[in-house]
Protein backbone atom coordinates (compact mmCIF):
# COMPACT_ATOMS: atom_id res chain seq x y z
CA UNK A 1 -5.25 -4.70 -20.83
CA UNK A 2 -2.67 -3.49 -23.37
CA UNK A 3 0.21 -5.92 -23.13
CA UNK A 4 2.88 -3.52 -24.37
CA UNK A 5 2.28 -0.66 -21.93
CA UNK A 6 4.39 -2.11 -19.10
CA UNK A 7 6.98 -3.87 -21.27
CA UNK A 8 10.50 -2.99 -20.08
CA UNK A 9 9.19 -0.45 -17.55
CA UNK A 10 11.11 -0.53 -14.28
CA UNK A 11 8.78 -1.14 -11.35
CA UNK A 12 9.69 -1.02 -7.64
CA UNK A 13 7.24 -2.75 -5.29
CA UNK A 14 7.54 -2.61 -1.51
CA UNK A 15 5.87 -5.26 0.61
CA UNK A 16 6.32 -7.61 -2.34
CA UNK A 17 6.65 -10.93 -0.51
CA UNK A 18 2.91 -11.57 -0.10
CA UNK A 19 -0.63 -10.29 -0.69
CA UNK A 20 -1.19 -7.36 -3.03
CA UNK A 21 2.54 -6.78 -3.53
CA UNK A 22 3.16 -10.34 -4.69
CA UNK A 23 0.09 -10.34 -6.93
CA UNK A 24 1.28 -7.09 -8.54
CA UNK A 25 4.76 -8.52 -9.04
CA UNK A 26 3.35 -11.53 -10.90
CA UNK A 27 1.12 -9.40 -13.10
CA UNK A 28 3.81 -6.84 -13.91
CA UNK A 29 6.19 -9.70 -14.76
CA UNK A 30 3.62 -11.24 -17.09
CA UNK A 31 3.38 -7.84 -18.82
CA UNK A 32 7.14 -7.72 -19.44
CA UNK A 33 8.18 -5.23 -16.75
CA UNK A 34 11.56 -5.20 -15.01
CA UNK A 35 11.07 -5.54 -11.27
CA UNK A 36 12.66 -4.63 -7.99
CA UNK A 37 10.95 -6.45 -5.15
CA UNK A 38 11.39 -5.17 -1.60
CA UNK A 39 10.47 -6.80 1.70
CA UNK A 40 12.03 -7.66 5.04
CA UNK A 41 12.28 -11.37 4.16
CA UNK A 42 15.00 -11.87 1.55
CA UNK A 43 14.40 -15.63 1.54
CA UNK A 44 10.80 -15.16 0.40
CA UNK A 45 11.85 -12.66 -2.25
CA UNK A 46 14.46 -15.02 -3.65
CA UNK A 47 11.86 -17.77 -4.04
CA UNK A 48 9.60 -15.33 -5.92
CA UNK A 49 12.59 -14.15 -7.98
CA UNK A 50 13.09 -17.67 -9.34
CA UNK A 51 9.39 -18.06 -10.08
CA UNK A 52 8.86 -14.94 -12.19
CA UNK A 53 9.46 -14.81 -15.97
CA UNK A 54 11.12 -11.42 -15.85
CA UNK A 55 14.19 -9.48 -14.77
CA UNK A 56 13.89 -9.35 -10.98
CA UNK A 57 16.08 -7.65 -8.39
CA UNK A 58 15.34 -8.72 -4.80
CA UNK A 59 16.35 -6.25 -2.09
CA UNK A 60 15.91 -6.86 1.62
CA UNK A 61 14.23 -3.69 2.84
CA UNK A 62 12.69 -2.44 6.06
CA UNK A 63 10.81 0.61 4.79
CA UNK A 64 10.73 2.14 8.28
CA UNK A 65 14.50 2.71 7.89
CA UNK A 66 15.47 5.59 5.64
CA UNK A 67 18.83 4.05 4.77
CA UNK A 68 17.17 0.83 3.57
CA UNK A 69 14.87 2.84 1.31
CA UNK A 70 17.76 4.85 -0.10
CA UNK A 71 19.71 1.67 -0.89
CA UNK A 72 16.63 0.10 -2.47
CA UNK A 73 16.27 2.97 -4.91
CA UNK A 74 20.01 3.29 -5.59
CA UNK A 75 20.34 -0.44 -6.34
CA UNK A 76 17.39 -0.26 -8.70
CA UNK A 77 18.82 2.67 -10.64
CA UNK A 78 22.28 1.07 -10.72
CA UNK A 79 20.75 -2.14 -12.12
CA UNK A 80 18.20 -0.81 -14.59
CA UNK A 81 19.19 2.82 -15.19
CA UNK A 82 16.07 4.42 -13.71
CA UNK A 83 12.57 3.92 -12.30
CA UNK A 84 9.23 4.22 -14.10
CA UNK A 85 6.80 3.10 -11.39
CA UNK A 86 7.05 3.06 -7.59
CA UNK A 87 4.39 1.06 -5.75
CA UNK A 88 4.37 1.98 -2.06
CA UNK A 89 2.56 -1.12 -0.84
CA UNK A 90 4.36 -2.10 2.38
CA UNK A 91 2.11 -1.65 5.38
CA UNK A 92 0.90 -2.96 8.70
CA UNK A 93 -2.41 -2.68 10.50
CA UNK A 94 -3.58 -2.64 14.11
CA UNK A 95 -6.63 -3.49 16.22
CA UNK A 96 -7.01 -1.76 19.57
CA UNK A 97 -8.79 1.25 21.04
CA UNK A 98 -6.56 4.25 21.65
CA UNK A 99 -7.08 4.37 25.43
CA UNK A 100 -5.48 0.91 25.72
CA UNK A 101 -2.79 1.47 23.11
CA UNK A 102 0.94 1.51 23.80
CA UNK A 103 2.17 4.54 21.86
CA UNK A 104 5.02 2.50 20.38
CA UNK A 105 2.35 0.84 18.19
CA UNK A 106 1.28 4.18 16.74
CA UNK A 107 4.93 5.06 16.09
CA UNK A 108 5.42 1.74 14.31
CA UNK A 109 2.36 2.27 12.11
CA UNK A 110 3.55 5.73 11.11
CA UNK A 111 7.12 4.53 10.49
CA UNK A 112 6.05 1.78 8.11
CA UNK A 113 2.90 3.10 6.44
CA UNK A 114 3.71 6.81 6.20
CA UNK A 115 7.46 7.23 6.46
CA UNK A 116 8.11 4.17 4.30
CA UNK A 117 6.15 5.84 1.52
CA UNK A 118 7.90 9.17 2.06
CA UNK A 119 11.43 7.70 2.13
CA UNK A 120 11.02 5.61 -1.03
CA UNK A 121 9.29 8.41 -2.91
CA UNK A 122 11.92 10.97 -1.90
CA UNK A 123 14.83 8.95 -3.30
CA UNK A 124 12.95 7.74 -6.39
CA UNK A 125 11.52 11.14 -7.31
CA UNK A 126 14.36 12.49 -9.50
CA UNK A 127 14.25 9.41 -11.71
CA UNK A 128 10.44 9.36 -11.77
CA UNK A 129 10.37 13.00 -12.85
CA UNK A 130 12.95 12.36 -15.55
CA UNK A 131 10.89 9.45 -16.92
CA UNK A 132 7.48 11.06 -16.30
CA UNK A 133 6.69 8.04 -14.16
CA UNK A 134 4.13 6.99 -11.58
CA UNK A 135 3.97 6.88 -7.78
CA UNK A 136 1.32 4.67 -6.20
CA UNK A 137 0.31 4.73 -2.55
CA UNK A 138 -1.69 1.69 -1.44
CA UNK A 139 -3.96 3.29 1.12
CA UNK A 140 -7.31 2.42 2.70
CA UNK A 141 -10.82 3.75 3.26
CA UNK A 142 -9.44 4.28 6.78
CA UNK A 143 -7.40 7.07 5.19
CA UNK A 144 -10.58 8.89 4.18
CA UNK A 145 -12.69 8.22 7.30
CA UNK A 146 -11.35 7.39 10.75
CA UNK A 147 -11.94 3.74 11.61
CA UNK A 148 -12.61 2.86 15.28
CA UNK A 149 -10.01 0.59 16.92
CA UNK A 150 -7.61 1.55 14.11
CA UNK A 151 -6.34 4.97 15.26
CA UNK A 152 -2.72 4.42 14.24
CA UNK A 153 -3.69 2.82 10.97
CA UNK A 154 -6.12 5.58 10.04
CA UNK A 155 -3.64 8.28 11.05
CA UNK A 156 -0.89 6.76 8.90
CA UNK A 157 -3.17 6.41 5.88
CA UNK A 158 -4.58 9.94 6.25
CA UNK A 159 -0.97 11.14 6.33
CA UNK A 160 -0.08 9.11 3.24
CA UNK A 161 -3.09 10.46 1.35
CA UNK A 162 -2.22 14.05 2.26
CA UNK A 163 1.41 13.59 1.29
CA UNK A 164 0.60 12.07 -2.11
CA UNK A 165 -2.13 14.59 -2.89
CA UNK A 166 0.26 17.45 -2.17
CA UNK A 167 3.03 15.82 -4.20
CA UNK A 168 0.69 15.56 -7.17
CA UNK A 169 -0.18 19.26 -6.92
CA UNK A 170 3.46 20.32 -6.60
CA UNK A 171 4.24 18.48 -9.83
CA UNK A 172 1.02 19.27 -11.65
CA UNK A 173 2.88 20.48 -14.73
CA UNK A 174 5.77 17.97 -14.63
CA UNK A 175 3.84 14.93 -15.94
CA UNK A 176 4.39 13.05 -12.69
CA UNK A 177 1.56 10.60 -12.16
CA UNK A 178 0.48 10.10 -8.52
CA UNK A 179 -2.23 7.56 -7.72
CA UNK A 180 -3.92 7.08 -4.36
CA UNK A 181 -5.13 3.48 -4.47
CA UNK A 182 -7.66 2.20 -1.90
CA UNK A 183 -8.49 -1.48 -2.45
CA UNK A 184 -10.77 -1.97 0.57
CA UNK A 185 -10.81 -5.27 2.46
CA UNK A 186 -8.59 -7.68 0.51
CA UNK A 187 -7.77 -11.31 1.21
CA UNK A 188 -4.21 -11.15 2.57
CA UNK A 189 -2.16 -11.74 5.70
CA UNK A 190 -2.38 -8.11 6.88
CA UNK A 191 -5.01 -8.88 9.53
CA UNK A 192 -3.11 -11.91 10.82
CA UNK A 193 -0.10 -9.69 11.54
CA UNK A 194 -2.11 -6.66 12.74
CA UNK A 195 -0.76 -5.27 15.99
CA UNK A 196 -2.72 -5.36 19.23
CA UNK A 197 -2.61 -2.81 22.07
CA UNK A 198 0.80 -3.95 23.35
CA UNK A 199 2.37 -4.30 19.91
CA UNK A 200 2.09 -8.08 19.56
CA UNK A 201 0.52 -9.55 16.37
CA UNK A 202 -3.08 -10.66 16.80
CA UNK A 203 -2.29 -13.89 14.97
CA UNK A 204 -5.71 -14.44 13.43
CA UNK A 205 -8.15 -12.50 11.31
CA UNK A 206 -11.55 -11.39 12.59
CA UNK A 207 -12.95 -11.41 9.06
CA UNK A 208 -13.90 -14.03 6.47
CA UNK A 209 -10.96 -13.73 4.13
CA UNK A 210 -12.50 -16.01 1.50
CA UNK A 211 -15.33 -13.51 0.91
CA UNK A 212 -13.01 -10.57 0.23
CA UNK A 213 -11.60 -9.30 -3.03
CA UNK A 214 -8.58 -11.35 -4.07
CA UNK A 215 -5.12 -9.82 -4.26
CA UNK A 216 -5.01 -10.82 -7.93
CA UNK A 217 -8.15 -8.80 -8.67
CA UNK A 218 -6.69 -5.82 -6.82
CA UNK A 219 -3.51 -6.09 -8.89
CA UNK A 220 -5.48 -6.04 -12.15
CA UNK A 221 -7.26 -2.87 -11.02
CA UNK A 222 -3.94 -1.26 -10.09
CA UNK A 223 -2.35 -1.92 -13.46
CA UNK A 224 -5.44 -0.58 -15.20
CA UNK A 225 -5.27 2.58 -13.08
CA UNK A 226 -1.59 3.01 -13.88
CA UNK A 227 -2.17 2.61 -17.60
CA UNK A 228 -4.96 5.22 -17.47
CA UNK A 229 -2.90 7.38 -15.06
CA UNK A 230 -5.77 7.79 -12.66
CA UNK A 231 -5.41 10.12 -9.65
CA UNK A 232 -7.44 7.97 -7.29
CA UNK A 233 -9.04 4.53 -7.23
CA UNK A 234 -11.46 3.22 -4.60
CA UNK A 235 -12.32 -0.33 -5.55
CA UNK A 236 -15.21 -1.58 -3.46
CA UNK A 237 -18.81 -0.33 -3.60
CA UNK A 238 -18.82 -0.09 0.21
CA UNK A 239 -15.70 2.04 0.18
CA UNK A 240 -17.03 4.34 -2.53
CA UNK A 241 -20.30 4.75 -0.66
CA UNK A 242 -18.53 5.46 2.65
CA UNK A 243 -16.34 8.19 1.13
CA UNK A 244 -19.26 9.80 -0.71
CA UNK A 245 -21.82 9.66 2.11
CA UNK A 246 -19.23 10.88 4.65
CA UNK A 247 -19.04 14.20 2.78
CA UNK A 248 -22.68 14.91 3.61
CA UNK A 249 -23.55 12.70 6.60
CA UNK A 250 -20.35 12.03 8.57
CA UNK A 251 -22.16 11.10 11.80
CA UNK A 252 -24.18 8.48 9.97
CA UNK A 253 -21.02 6.92 8.57
CA UNK A 254 -19.41 7.01 12.02
CA UNK A 255 -22.33 5.12 13.52
CA UNK A 256 -22.26 2.55 10.71
CA UNK A 257 -18.51 2.05 11.09
CA UNK A 258 -18.80 1.65 14.84
CA UNK A 259 -21.53 -0.93 14.47
CA UNK A 260 -19.54 -2.88 11.88
CA UNK A 261 -16.29 -2.85 13.88
CA UNK A 262 -18.06 -3.74 17.13
CA UNK A 263 -19.62 -6.78 15.45
CA UNK A 264 -16.20 -8.30 14.73
CA UNK A 265 -15.25 -11.35 16.83
CA UNK A 266 -13.39 -10.25 20.00
CA UNK A 267 -13.78 -6.61 18.99
CA UNK A 268 -11.87 -4.11 21.17
CA UNK A 269 -15.06 -2.02 21.08
CA UNK A 270 -17.14 -4.67 22.87
């Protein structure tokens, strides 16, 4: 990876206190970028801030709140003078069938996963256009094909994908780079905090985290995609196959997904 590409670029990362966001922060810092890290836990961000060998601004941010997102972007521009890269990484998941789901859970998924991306992008856009920068949306295969027992999650990621795809087309001749980034199953805490039917965290993961792609590997792919200004990245072979086969045999993919999700421990589909 070319070391100089990210040097002194201003990068905003939401959901930066753990998982993919934290791995990206460490890699961007190693490449000489200037960072703004956003998450709900300021304490965690301040620990990371001391660890990283780079200029780091830590901003307590709940991306479901428009005002928090506006302040995040304004503080970044006031500190660094502009924004080159916005990584919309903050997100939550869920695990429940729709018939059992409290609708507040679906609202929460949309507020964080979709509206968080929209709010941050809206306020960062003037600076990104001025600098011919990049917007990244960390999405999911669930944003390309509906995933059973993940209605709110799939809906929010479909919405994010549609928003970013349209944004790219609107600015086709403005040199704005928009990347839809789907890492697939990644070892992180997202499944531990996934919401159940009543909105409470499930507290444990139904999957073998140690067999998944590491957050560090995902971060390396993201930086490579940013450097090459790719429109879309789907990282796993399973994800690529699902998206491709779904175009021609959607019922087959639905049956495969159902079987896979039903086989999870304590699956809501059982």
